[in-house]
Each structure stands twice: as C-alpha cells, then as structure tokens.
C-alpha atoms as a PDB file:
ATOM      1  CA  MET A   1       6.276  24.146   1.532  1.00  0.00           C
ATOM      2  CA  ALA A   2       6.333  26.060  -1.764  1.00  0.00           C
ATOM      3  CA  ILE A   3       3.213  25.101  -3.733  1.00  0.00           C
ATOM      4  CA  SER A   4       3.197  24.824  -7.523  1.00  0.00           C
ATOM      5  CA  VAL A   5       0.513  23.706  -9.961  1.00  0.00           C
ATOM      6  CA  LYS A   6       0.929  21.408 -12.944  1.00  0.00           C
ATOM      7  CA  THR A   7      -1.609  20.419 -15.570  1.00  0.00           C
ATOM      8  CA  ILE A   8      -1.567  16.713 -16.334  1.00  0.00           C
ATOM      9  CA  THR A   9      -3.628  14.096 -18.135  1.00  0.00           C
ATOM     10  CA  LEU A  10      -5.154  11.482 -15.851  1.00  0.00           C
ATOM     11  CA  GLY A  11      -7.667   8.896 -16.952  1.00  0.00           C
ATOM     12  CA  GLY A  12      -8.271  10.782 -20.173  1.00  0.00           C
ATOM     13  CA  ARG A  13      -8.956  14.054 -18.352  1.00  0.00           C
ATOM     14  CA  THR A  14      -6.808  17.167 -18.181  1.00  0.00           C
ATOM     15  CA  ILE A  15      -6.638  18.395 -14.585  1.00  0.00           C
ATOM     16  CA  PRO A  16      -4.543  20.746 -12.418  1.00  0.00           C
ATOM     17  CA  ILE A  17      -2.548  19.192  -9.568  1.00  0.00           C
ATOM     18  CA  GLU A  18      -0.946  21.045  -6.668  1.00  0.00           C
ATOM     19  CA  GLY A  19       2.334  19.886  -5.182  1.00  0.00           C
ATOM     20  CA  SER A  20       5.549  20.954  -3.551  1.00  0.00           C
ATOM     21  CA  SER A  21       7.954  22.441  -6.092  1.00  0.00           C
ATOM     22  CA  THR A  22      10.890  20.864  -4.221  1.00  0.00           C
ATOM     23  CA  ASP A  23       9.404  17.352  -4.127  1.00  0.00           C
ATOM     24  CA  PRO A  24      11.076  15.000  -6.658  1.00  0.00           C
ATOM     25  CA  TYR A  25       7.751  13.196  -7.052  1.00  0.00           C
ATOM     26  CA  PHE A  26       5.981  16.389  -8.079  1.00  0.00           C
ATOM     27  CA  GLN A  27       8.875  17.399 -10.327  1.00  0.00           C
ATOM     28  CA  SER A  28       8.282  14.192 -12.318  1.00  0.00           C
ATOM     29  CA  LEU A  29       4.503  14.279 -11.954  1.00  0.00           C
ATOM     30  CA  GLU A  30       3.807  13.751 -15.659  1.00  0.00           C
ATOM     31  CA  VAL A  31       5.705  10.443 -15.535  1.00  0.00           C
ATOM     32  CA  PHE A  32       3.858   9.253 -12.442  1.00  0.00           C
ATOM     33  CA  ALA A  33       0.513  10.280 -13.933  1.00  0.00           C
ATOM     34  CA  ALA A  34       1.255   8.190 -17.026  1.00  0.00           C
ATOM     35  CA  GLN A  35       2.124   5.243 -14.777  1.00  0.00           C
ATOM     36  CA  THR A  36      -1.433   5.211 -13.405  1.00  0.00           C
ATOM     37  CA  ALA A  37      -2.752   4.030 -16.803  1.00  0.00           C
ATOM     38  CA  PRO A  38      -2.581   0.274 -15.980  1.00  0.00           C
ATOM     39  CA  LEU A  39      -4.389   0.868 -12.679  1.00  0.00           C
ATOM     40  CA  TYR A  40      -7.023   2.964 -14.474  1.00  0.00           C
ATOM     41  CA  ARG A  41      -7.685   0.194 -17.017  1.00  0.00           C
ATOM     42  CA  PHE A  42      -7.765  -2.488 -14.334  1.00  0.00           C
ATOM     43  CA  VAL A  43     -10.238  -0.601 -12.142  1.00  0.00           C
ATOM     44  CA  ALA A  44     -12.482   0.207 -15.112  1.00  0.00           C
ATOM     45  CA  GLU A  45     -12.697  -3.494 -15.928  1.00  0.00           C
ATOM     46  CA  HIS A  46     -12.846  -5.063 -12.466  1.00  0.00           C
ATOM     47  CA  ALA A  47     -13.984  -2.638  -9.752  1.00  0.00           C
ATOM     48  CA  ASP A  48     -16.825  -0.393 -10.878  1.00  0.00           C
ATOM     49  CA  ASP A  49     -19.408  -1.351  -8.261  1.00  0.00           C
ATOM     50  CA  GLY A  50     -18.544  -0.985  -4.603  1.00  0.00           C
ATOM     51  CA  LEU A  51     -16.024   0.483  -2.199  1.00  0.00           C
ATOM     52  CA  ILE A  52     -12.395   0.992  -3.223  1.00  0.00           C
ATOM     53  CA  ILE A  53      -9.747   1.436  -0.541  1.00  0.00           C
ATOM     54  CA  ASP A  54      -6.647   3.472  -1.452  1.00  0.00           C
ATOM     55  CA  VAL A  55      -3.907   2.751   1.103  1.00  0.00           C
ATOM     56  CA  GLY A  56      -1.182   5.333   0.620  1.00  0.00           C
ATOM     57  CA  GLY A  57      -3.179   8.173  -0.917  1.00  0.00           C
ATOM     58  CA  ASN A  58      -0.187  10.510  -1.343  1.00  0.00           C
ATOM     59  CA  ILE A  59      -1.384  13.707  -3.093  1.00  0.00           C
ATOM     60  CA  GLY A  60      -4.394  12.115  -4.757  1.00  0.00           C
ATOM     61  CA  LEU A  61      -3.337  10.829  -8.194  1.00  0.00           C
ATOM     62  CA  THR A  62      -4.334   7.184  -7.711  1.00  0.00           C
ATOM     63  CA  ALA A  63      -7.586   8.064  -5.934  1.00  0.00           C
ATOM     64  CA  MET A  64      -8.603  10.329  -8.807  1.00  0.00           C
ATOM     65  CA  ALA A  65      -7.541   7.843 -11.472  1.00  0.00           C
ATOM     66  CA  MET A  66      -9.618   5.121  -9.812  1.00  0.00           C
ATOM     67  CA  SER A  67     -12.561   7.480  -9.352  1.00  0.00           C
ATOM     68  CA  PHE A  68     -12.496   8.411 -13.046  1.00  0.00           C
ATOM     69  CA  ALA A  69     -12.283   4.729 -13.979  1.00  0.00           C
ATOM     70  CA  ALA A  70     -15.112   3.603 -11.705  1.00  0.00           C
ATOM     71  CA  PRO A  71     -18.026   6.059 -11.647  1.00  0.00           C
ATOM     72  CA  GLY A  72     -20.119   3.462  -9.813  1.00  0.00           C
ATOM     73  CA  SER A  73     -17.695   3.153  -6.900  1.00  0.00           C
ATOM     74  CA  ARG A  74     -16.580   5.298  -3.968  1.00  0.00           C
ATOM     75  CA  ILE A  75     -12.959   5.749  -2.943  1.00  0.00           C
ATOM     76  CA  ILE A  76     -11.707   5.947   0.643  1.00  0.00           C
ATOM     77  CA  ALA A  77      -8.032   6.933   0.836  1.00  0.00           C
ATOM     78  CA  PHE A  78      -5.742   6.661   3.860  1.00  0.00           C
ATOM     79  CA  GLU A  79      -2.791   9.042   4.143  1.00  0.00           C
ATOM     80  CA  PRO A  80      -0.970  10.008   7.382  1.00  0.00           C
ATOM     81  CA  SER A  81       1.579  12.532   6.050  1.00  0.00           C
ATOM     82  CA  PRO A  82       0.394  16.049   7.018  1.00  0.00           C
ATOM     83  CA  ASP A  83       1.936  17.602   3.888  1.00  0.00           C
ATOM     84  CA  ASN A  84       0.383  14.991   1.609  1.00  0.00           C
ATOM     85  CA  VAL A  85      -2.987  15.334   3.360  1.00  0.00           C
ATOM     86  CA  ALA A  86      -3.114  19.061   2.600  1.00  0.00           C
ATOM     87  CA  LEU A  87      -2.268  18.478  -1.057  1.00  0.00           C
ATOM     88  CA  PHE A  88      -4.664  15.528  -1.357  1.00  0.00           C
ATOM     89  CA  GLU A  89      -7.503  17.695  -0.052  1.00  0.00           C
ATOM     90  CA  ALA A  90      -6.657  20.507  -2.483  1.00  0.00           C
ATOM     91  CA  ASN A  91      -6.355  18.175  -5.462  1.00  0.00           C
ATOM     92  CA  THR A  92      -9.570  16.236  -4.817  1.00  0.00           C
ATOM     93  CA  ARG A  93     -11.722  19.207  -3.873  1.00  0.00           C
ATOM     94  CA  GLY A  94     -15.118  18.762  -5.513  1.00  0.00           C
ATOM     95  CA  GLN A  95     -14.603  15.026  -6.083  1.00  0.00           C
ATOM     96  CA  THR A  96     -17.612  13.887  -4.059  1.00  0.00           C
ATOM     97  CA  ARG A  97     -16.909  10.172  -4.416  1.00  0.00           C
ATOM     98  CA  ILE A  98     -13.456  10.463  -2.837  1.00  0.00           C
ATOM     99  CA  GLU A  99     -13.086  10.489   0.956  1.00  0.00           C
ATOM    100  CA  LEU A 100      -9.839  10.954   2.880  1.00  0.00           C
ATOM    101  CA  GLU A 101      -8.937   9.476   6.252  1.00  0.00           C
ATOM    102  CA  ARG A 102      -5.984  11.290   7.820  1.00  0.00           C
ATOM    103  CA  CYS A 103      -4.288   8.214   9.249  1.00  0.00           C
ATOM    104  CA  GLY A 104      -2.326   5.157   8.207  1.00  0.00           C
ATOM    105  CA  LEU A 105      -3.356   1.528   8.077  1.00  0.00           C
ATOM    106  CA  ALA A 106      -1.465  -1.154   9.975  1.00  0.00           C
ATOM    107  CA  ASP A 107      -2.020  -4.365  11.934  1.00  0.00           C
ATOM    108  CA  CYS A 108      -2.683  -2.423  15.139  1.00  0.00           C
ATOM    109  CA  THR A 109      -4.289   0.779  16.368  1.00  0.00           C
ATOM    110  CA  GLY A 110      -2.420   3.629  18.030  1.00  0.00           C
ATOM    111  CA  ASN A 111       0.470   5.816  16.926  1.00  0.00           C
ATOM    112  CA  LEU A 112       3.604   4.859  14.996  1.00  0.00           C
ATOM    113  CA  ASP A 113       6.812   6.610  13.976  1.00  0.00           C
ATOM    114  CA  PHE A 114       6.562   7.970  10.442  1.00  0.00           C
ATOM    115  CA  LEU A 115       9.343   9.276   8.233  1.00  0.00           C
ATOM    116  CA  VAL A 116       8.678  12.190   5.867  1.00  0.00           C
ATOM    117  CA  PRO A 117      11.605  12.499   3.408  1.00  0.00           C
ATOM    118  CA  PRO A 118      11.923  15.189   0.682  1.00  0.00           C
ATOM    119  CA  ALA A 119      10.117  12.907  -1.777  1.00  0.00           C
ATOM    120  CA  GLY A 120       6.545  12.772  -0.510  1.00  0.00           C
ATOM    121  CA  ALA A 121       5.876   9.468  -2.260  1.00  0.00           C
ATOM    122  CA  ASN A 122       8.556   7.811  -0.108  1.00  0.00           C
ATOM    123  CA  CYS A 123       6.961   8.521   3.287  1.00  0.00           C
ATOM    124  CA  HIS A 124       6.771   5.401   5.420  1.00  0.00           C
ATOM    125  CA  VAL A 125       6.344   3.913   8.867  1.00  0.00           C
ATOM    126  CA  VAL A 126       9.613   3.142  10.656  1.00  0.00           C
ATOM    127  CA  THR A 127      10.492   0.828  13.541  1.00  0.00           C
ATOM    128  CA  PRO A 128      13.263   1.073  16.170  1.00  0.00           C
ATOM    129  CA  ASP A 129      15.318  -1.261  13.925  1.00  0.00           C
ATOM    130  CA  TYR A 130      15.251   1.195  11.016  1.00  0.00           C
ATOM    131  CA  GLU A 131      18.751   1.684   9.595  1.00  0.00           C
ATOM    132  CA  PHE A 132      18.968   5.410  10.404  1.00  0.00           C
ATOM    133  CA  SER A 133      16.944   5.513  13.620  1.00  0.00           C
ATOM    134  CA  SER A 134      20.006   6.280  15.762  1.00  0.00           C
ATOM    135  CA  SER A 135      21.307   9.137  13.597  1.00  0.00           C
ATOM    136  CA  VAL A 136      21.270  12.700  14.938  1.00  0.00           C
ATOM    137  CA  GLY A 137      19.086  13.972  12.107  1.00  0.00           C
ATOM    138  CA  PHE A 138      16.410  11.293  12.452  1.00  0.00           C
ATOM    139  CA  HIS A 139      13.214  12.978  13.633  1.00  0.00           C
ATOM    140  CA  PRO A 140      10.134  10.924  12.717  1.00  0.00           C
ATOM    141  CA  LEU A 141       6.591  12.117  13.245  1.00  0.00           C
ATOM    142  CA  LYS A 142       4.034  10.286  15.342  1.00  0.00           C
ATOM    143  CA  VAL A 143       1.008   9.468  13.200  1.00  0.00           C
ATOM    144  CA  PRO A 144      -2.246   7.692  14.034  1.00  0.00           C
ATOM    145  CA  VAL A 145      -2.887   4.250  12.567  1.00  0.00           C
ATOM    146  CA  THR A 146      -5.757   1.819  12.629  1.00  0.00           C
ATOM    147  CA  THR A 147      -6.597  -1.478  10.968  1.00  0.00           C
ATOM    148  CA  LEU A 148      -8.825  -1.650   7.931  1.00  0.00           C
ATOM    149  CA  ASP A 149     -10.969  -4.220   9.743  1.00  0.00           C
ATOM    150  CA  ALA A 150     -11.520  -1.921  12.718  1.00  0.00           C
ATOM    151  CA  TYR A 151     -12.227   1.077  10.499  1.00  0.00           C
ATOM    152  CA  LEU A 152     -14.813  -0.723   8.384  1.00  0.00           C
ATOM    153  CA  ASP A 153     -16.469  -2.377  11.402  1.00  0.00           C
ATOM    154  CA  GLU A 154     -16.926   1.033  12.991  1.00  0.00           C
ATOM    155  CA  THR A 155     -17.825   3.210  10.021  1.00  0.00           C
ATOM    156  CA  LYS A 156     -19.067   1.084   7.106  1.00  0.00           C
ATOM    157  CA  PRO A 157     -20.069  -2.367   8.353  1.00  0.00           C
ATOM    158  CA  ASN A 158     -22.454  -3.088   5.484  1.00  0.00           C
ATOM    159  CA  GLU A 159     -20.457  -1.874   2.497  1.00  0.00           C
ATOM    160  CA  ARG A 160     -18.734  -4.297   0.141  1.00  0.00           C
ATOM    161  CA  VAL A 161     -15.068  -3.689  -0.653  1.00  0.00           C
ATOM    162  CA  VAL A 162     -14.275  -4.582  -4.268  1.00  0.00           C
ATOM    163  CA  LEU A 163     -10.660  -3.420  -4.479  1.00  0.00           C
ATOM    164  CA  ILE A 164      -7.819  -2.549  -2.112  1.00  0.00           C
ATOM    165  CA  LYS A 165      -4.865  -0.644  -3.579  1.00  0.00           C
ATOM    166  CA  ILE A 166      -1.757  -0.699  -1.348  1.00  0.00           C
ATOM    167  CA  ASP A 167       1.468   1.266  -1.807  1.00  0.00           C
ATOM    168  CA  VAL A 168       3.125   1.896   1.568  1.00  0.00           C
ATOM    169  CA  GLU A 169       6.879   1.471   1.100  1.00  0.00           C
ATOM    170  CA  GLY A 170       7.373  -2.019   2.542  1.00  0.00           C
ATOM    171  CA  PHE A 171       4.612  -1.854   5.164  1.00  0.00           C
ATOM    172  CA  GLU A 172       2.250  -3.912   2.969  1.00  0.00           C
ATOM    173  CA  PRO A 173       2.382  -7.035   5.219  1.00  0.00           C
ATOM    174  CA  ASN A 174       1.049  -4.998   8.147  1.00  0.00           C
ATOM    175  CA  VAL A 175      -1.791  -3.574   6.068  1.00  0.00           C
ATOM    176  CA  LEU A 176      -2.805  -7.052   4.892  1.00  0.00           C
ATOM    177  CA  ALA A 177      -2.674  -8.449   8.434  1.00  0.00           C
ATOM    178  CA  GLY A 178      -4.981  -5.652   9.592  1.00  0.00           C
ATOM    179  CA  ALA A 179      -7.446  -6.388   6.782  1.00  0.00           C
ATOM    180  CA  ARG A 180      -7.815 -10.116   7.463  1.00  0.00           C
ATOM    181  CA  ARG A 181     -11.579 -10.092   8.070  1.00  0.00           C
ATOM    182  CA  VAL A 182     -12.570  -7.902   5.143  1.00  0.00           C
ATOM    183  CA  ILE A 183     -10.401  -9.950   2.777  1.00  0.00           C
ATOM    184  CA  GLN A 184     -12.074 -13.155   3.945  1.00  0.00           C
ATOM    185  CA  ARG A 185     -15.546 -11.594   3.852  1.00  0.00           C
ATOM    186  CA  ASP A 186     -15.538  -9.624   0.601  1.00  0.00           C
ATOM    187  CA  ARG A 187     -12.707 -11.310  -1.316  1.00  0.00           C
ATOM    188  CA  PRO A 188     -11.651  -8.019  -2.929  1.00  0.00           C
ATOM    189  CA  LEU A 189      -9.033  -7.836  -5.615  1.00  0.00           C
ATOM    190  CA  ILE A 190      -5.819  -6.302  -4.299  1.00  0.00           C
ATOM    191  CA  TRP A 191      -3.559  -4.066  -6.382  1.00  0.00           C
ATOM    192  CA  MET A 192      -0.301  -3.866  -4.437  1.00  0.00           C
ATOM    193  CA  GLU A 193       3.217  -2.632  -4.926  1.00  0.00           C
ATOM    194  CA  PHE A 194       5.827  -5.328  -4.321  1.00  0.00           C
ATOM    195  CA  ASN A 195       9.136  -3.642  -3.586  1.00  0.00           C
ATOM    196  CA  SER A 196      12.019  -5.806  -2.378  1.00  0.00           C
ATOM    197  CA  VAL A 197      14.135  -2.785  -1.400  1.00  0.00           C
ATOM    198  CA  THR A 198      11.577  -1.081   0.831  1.00  0.00           C
ATOM    199  CA  LEU A 199      10.512  -4.390   2.386  1.00  0.00           C
ATOM    200  CA  ASN A 200      14.100  -5.152   3.327  1.00  0.00           C
ATOM    201  CA  ILE A 201      15.625  -1.739   4.050  1.00  0.00           C
ATOM    202  CA  ALA A 202      12.709   0.340   5.349  1.00  0.00           C
ATOM    203  CA  GLN A 203      11.083  -2.430   7.404  1.00  0.00           C
ATOM    204  CA  GLY A 204      13.676  -5.198   7.860  1.00  0.00           C
ATOM    205  CA  TYR A 205      11.356  -7.736   6.211  1.00  0.00           C
ATOM    206  CA  SER A 206      12.399 -10.691   4.056  1.00  0.00           C
ATOM    207  CA  PRO A 207      11.022 -10.216   0.508  1.00  0.00           C
ATOM    208  CA  MET A 208      11.152 -13.989  -0.025  1.00  0.00           C
ATOM    209  CA  ALA A 209       9.214 -14.695   3.181  1.00  0.00           C
ATOM    210  CA  PHE A 210       6.565 -12.166   2.155  1.00  0.00           C
ATOM    211  CA  ALA A 211       6.345 -13.553  -1.378  1.00  0.00           C
ATOM    212  CA  THR A 212       5.915 -17.084  -0.008  1.00  0.00           C
ATOM    213  CA  ALA A 213       3.106 -15.917   2.279  1.00  0.00           C
ATOM    214  CA  LEU A 214       1.401 -14.172  -0.634  1.00  0.00           C
ATOM    215  CA  PHE A 215       1.327 -17.375  -2.687  1.00  0.00           C
ATOM    216  CA  ASP A 216      -0.151 -19.270   0.268  1.00  0.00           C
ATOM    217  CA  CYS A 217      -3.081 -16.820   0.399  1.00  0.00           C
ATOM    218  CA  PHE A 218      -3.488 -15.470  -3.134  1.00  0.00           C
ATOM    219  CA  GLU A 219      -3.116 -16.125  -6.785  1.00  0.00           C
ATOM    220  CA  VAL A 220      -0.402 -13.605  -7.698  1.00  0.00           C
ATOM    221  CA  LEU A 221      -0.625 -11.976 -11.118  1.00  0.00           C
ATOM    222  CA  ARG A 222       1.202  -9.401 -13.170  1.00  0.00           C
ATOM    223  CA  VAL A 223      -0.546  -7.049 -15.591  1.00  0.00           C
ATOM    224  CA  ASP A 224       0.984  -6.969 -19.064  1.00  0.00           C
ATOM    225  CA  ASP A 225       1.059  -3.943 -21.362  1.00  0.00           C
ATOM    226  CA  GLY A 226      -2.271  -4.941 -22.884  1.00  0.00           C
ATOM    227  CA  GLY A 227      -3.974  -5.258 -19.503  1.00  0.00           C
ATOM    228  CA  ALA A 228      -4.020  -9.059 -19.414  1.00  0.00           C
ATOM    229  CA  LEU A 229      -3.453 -10.767 -16.063  1.00  0.00           C
ATOM    230  CA  ILE A 230      -0.477 -13.140 -16.191  1.00  0.00           C
ATOM    231  CA  PRO A 231       0.027 -15.647 -13.315  1.00  0.00           C
ATOM    232  CA  VAL A 232       3.402 -15.457 -11.592  1.00  0.00           C
ATOM    233  CA  PRO A 233       4.720 -19.041 -11.344  1.00  0.00           C
ATOM    234  CA  GLY A 234       5.999 -18.857  -7.772  1.00  0.00           C
ATOM    235  CA  ALA A 235       7.528 -16.879  -4.928  1.00  0.00           C
ATOM    236  CA  GLY A 236      11.093 -17.249  -6.218  1.00  0.00           C
ATOM    237  CA  ALA A 237      10.087 -15.978  -9.649  1.00  0.00           C
ATOM    238  CA  LEU A 238       8.315 -12.993  -8.093  1.00  0.00           C
ATOM    239  CA  VAL A 239      11.334 -11.919  -6.036  1.00  0.00           C
ATOM    240  CA  HIS A 240      13.902 -12.700  -8.753  1.00  0.00           C
ATOM    241  CA  ASP A 241      12.059 -10.742 -11.448  1.00  0.00           C
ATOM    242  CA  ASN A 242      11.153  -7.977  -9.026  1.00  0.00           C
ATOM    243  CA  ILE A 243      14.838  -7.330  -8.355  1.00  0.00           C
ATOM    244  CA  THR A 244      16.448  -8.107 -11.709  1.00  0.00           C
ATOM    245  CA  VAL A 245      13.780  -7.065 -14.211  1.00  0.00           C
ATOM    246  CA  HIS A 246      11.662  -4.439 -12.445  1.00  0.00           C
ATOM    247  CA  GLY A 247      14.274  -2.657 -10.345  1.00  0.00           C
ATOM    248  CA  SER A 248      12.482  -3.810  -7.178  1.00  0.00           C
ATOM    249  CA  ILE A 249       9.360  -1.748  -7.951  1.00  0.00           C
ATOM    250  CA  GLU A 250       6.297  -3.315  -9.535  1.00  0.00           C
ATOM    251  CA  ASP A 251       2.565  -3.621  -9.042  1.00  0.00           C
ATOM    252  CA  VAL A 252       0.972  -7.045  -8.709  1.00  0.00           C
ATOM    253  CA  VAL A 253      -2.633  -8.161  -8.478  1.00  0.00           C
ATOM    254  CA  LEU A 254      -3.673 -10.524  -5.692  1.00  0.00           C
ATOM    255  CA  ARG A 255      -6.732 -12.722  -6.149  1.00  0.00           C
ATOM    256  CA  VAL A 256      -7.909 -14.348  -2.910  1.00  0.00           C
ATOM    257  CA  ARG A 257      -7.646 -18.145  -2.748  1.00  0.00           C
ATOM    258  CA  PRO A 258     -10.516 -20.201  -1.276  1.00  0.00           C
ATOM    259  CA  GLU A 259     -10.322 -20.452   2.522  1.00  0.00           C
ATOM    260  CA  CYS A 260      -7.638 -17.759   2.622  1.00  0.00           C
ATOM    261  CA  THR A 261      -6.543 -16.672   6.103  1.00  0.00           C
ATOM    262  CA  ILE A 262      -3.994 -13.866   6.250  1.00  0.00           C
ATOM    263  CA  PRO A 263      -1.270 -14.762   8.787  1.00  0.00           C
ATOM    264  CA  ASP A 264       0.317 -12.392  11.273  1.00  0.00           C
ATOM    265  CA  VAL A 265       3.109 -10.039  10.244  1.00  0.00           C
ATOM    266  CA  GLU A 266       5.882 -12.159  11.737  1.00  0.00           C
ATOM    267  CA  SER A 267       4.783 -15.204   9.747  1.00  0.00           C
ATOM    268  CA  MET A 268       4.751 -13.146   6.548  1.00  0.00           C
ATOM    269  CA  THR A 269       8.099 -11.409   6.943  1.00  0.00           C
ATOM    270  CA  ILE A 270      10.594 -13.680   8.722  1.00  0.00           C
ATOM    271  CA  ALA A 271      12.267 -16.695   7.128  1.00  0.00           C
ATOM    272  CA  PRO A 272      10.942 -20.062   8.432  1.00  0.00           C
ATOM    273  CA  SER A 273      14.298 -21.081   9.953  1.00  0.00           C
ATOM    274  CA  VAL A 274      14.469 -17.811  11.896  1.00  0.00           C
ATOM    275  CA  ARG A 275      10.860 -18.203  13.062  1.00  0.00           C
ATOM    276  CA  ALA A 276      11.740 -21.683  14.349  1.00  0.00           C
ATOM    277  CA  ASP A 277      14.661 -20.245  16.323  1.00  0.00           C
ATOM    278  CA  LEU A 278      12.374 -17.560  17.749  1.00  0.00           C
ATOM    279  CA  ARG A 279       9.827 -20.159  18.856  1.00  0.00           C
ATOM    280  CA  ARG A 280      12.530 -22.172  20.628  1.00  0.00           C
ATOM    281  CA  LEU A 281      13.840 -19.033  22.336  1.00  0.00           C
ATOM    282  CA  ARG A 282      10.365 -17.972  23.471  1.00  0.00           C
ATOM    283  CA  ASP A 283       9.602 -21.473  24.730  1.00  0.00           C
ATOM    284  CA  ALA A 284      12.822 -21.447  26.740  1.00  0.00           C
ATOM    285  CA  ILE A 285      11.967 -18.056  28.261  1.00  0.00           C
ATOM    286  CA  ARG A 286       8.469 -19.234  29.216  1.00  0.00           C
ATOM    287  CA  MET A 287       9.882 -22.328  30.908  1.00  0.00           C
ATOM    288  CA  ARG A 288      12.111 -20.143  33.079  1.00  0.00           C
ATOM    289  CA  GLU A 289       9.312 -17.818  34.174  1.00  0.00           C
END
C-alpha cells in the first residue's frame, strides 16, 4: 500500500490525513471531508456528553469530526479492515478521546467473511449468497466480529451511549440487532447510512423490509442543509427518495420510540410474505423430524 498525505479541513481544523494513493476514497478525500459537516453540526448539538460509537471507522475522518464536535464525549470506533486500521491509527495518533477496536460489529460473535475492494470505504461483510462469492477472484478475509451489547457489557457496563453512527455497506440491520439492549437502555440517537443498493446487492436484504422495521422502532428523520431534523413520512417515502433523489446513499437520524424492541435480522430484512413462507416451511420440516 503506497501511503500519501493530504491536508484537509475537518470540523474547522486543518489536519494531515494519511491514505492509500490508489484508493478512490482517498483520492477524493476533500469531498468526503466536506461531507462530514452535517454530522459535525449534529454531534455538536446533540451528543456532547457521553460515549459515541463509530461503527465503520474507516481511516478516521468521522471519528475525528465527532471528537472535534464533542469535546465532552469519548469516541469508540470499530473497524475490521487491516489496511483501514493501520491508517486509522496513524491519523488519530495523539487523539486521546478516540479509541479503536480492531473488529466489526454484527448480531453475533465470531468470524465473518469480509471483502476489501480497492476503495477502502466500500469494505463490507459478505455472506455465501453474495453475488460474486463463486467467482475465481473472490478471496474474502476472515475478520472478528462481536455485538455492541456484548462489547459494552464486558468493557464499559456503566457508561452511557449518547450516539451510535453506523456506516457498514448494507450490514446496518445486523449492527442494530446486536445493539438491542443498549438501544433500549440508553436510547441513543443513531446516525445511520441508508443505502438501498448495498442493502440489496451486498447483503441480499430488502430495503423496503428494513425501512418498515425502522419505522416500527424509530422516528426516522432527515437532516436538511440548515441542520434541522425533518420527519420522513413513511417507509415507502424513505426508500423511494433514497433511490430516486439521493442516489441510494443518504444519512438518516433514528430517534428511539417508547418501548422499542429491535427485532432479529430476518424480521428486518425479508418481506413479510417471504417470512410467512419460511415459517410454513420450517413448521413442515419440524413436523417431519
């Protein structure tokens, strides 16, 4: 990996950032740095007193932006890509309120297949059903994963989580399912990418099923250019506008509803009619056993 350094403006500060000169993400780093401005403003207003979880730390831009915005908070980032981990550590050196965990978050603990494409921001977990899993050139890594609930129970049982930022290329339902207890306990705000393409292509998930599950558990809001939170009227509007207006990539804010219980991944990602067929099939198999 050929390392280069760029000087960018992040959260009103001018800082050097290391990255791979061949990575398309790093080549357009100035654009991505500018795109952290809404997150910076949101964190400064809503999350400056507690623990912030950065799921999908990449090379450190969002962790640093949130740290600059919230001097009263600590950031714990999760990143399983070995290349991104090395760059994250270099870029956040000396940032004492930022901590890195070299693993991914999921709805289980163990090891999962992980794809590392040329663009480091597009790394993601893959399943056996992934579109290219049978191709000759498909060589995923095995990376460790845990749940946010298990991690916090073991390492920080008494700390309050005020914000969870999630950007994991369609694996967001799994992260939410593995954070069920902390979401119920602390009711953190959630800043999450909703991406219909990665949900569908990278993970085989139904964007509409996921959107419907989100509205059952959360008030779903968009952030306008002035930083105001605008309620999304419904699941159909979220998916329609995500695809037609936002090119399938947008950040939304989730505000926990009273008595929210995050369902399992299957309930969040498979259409109801298909889930009904699966239940009938499983019932038939159990009757034959």
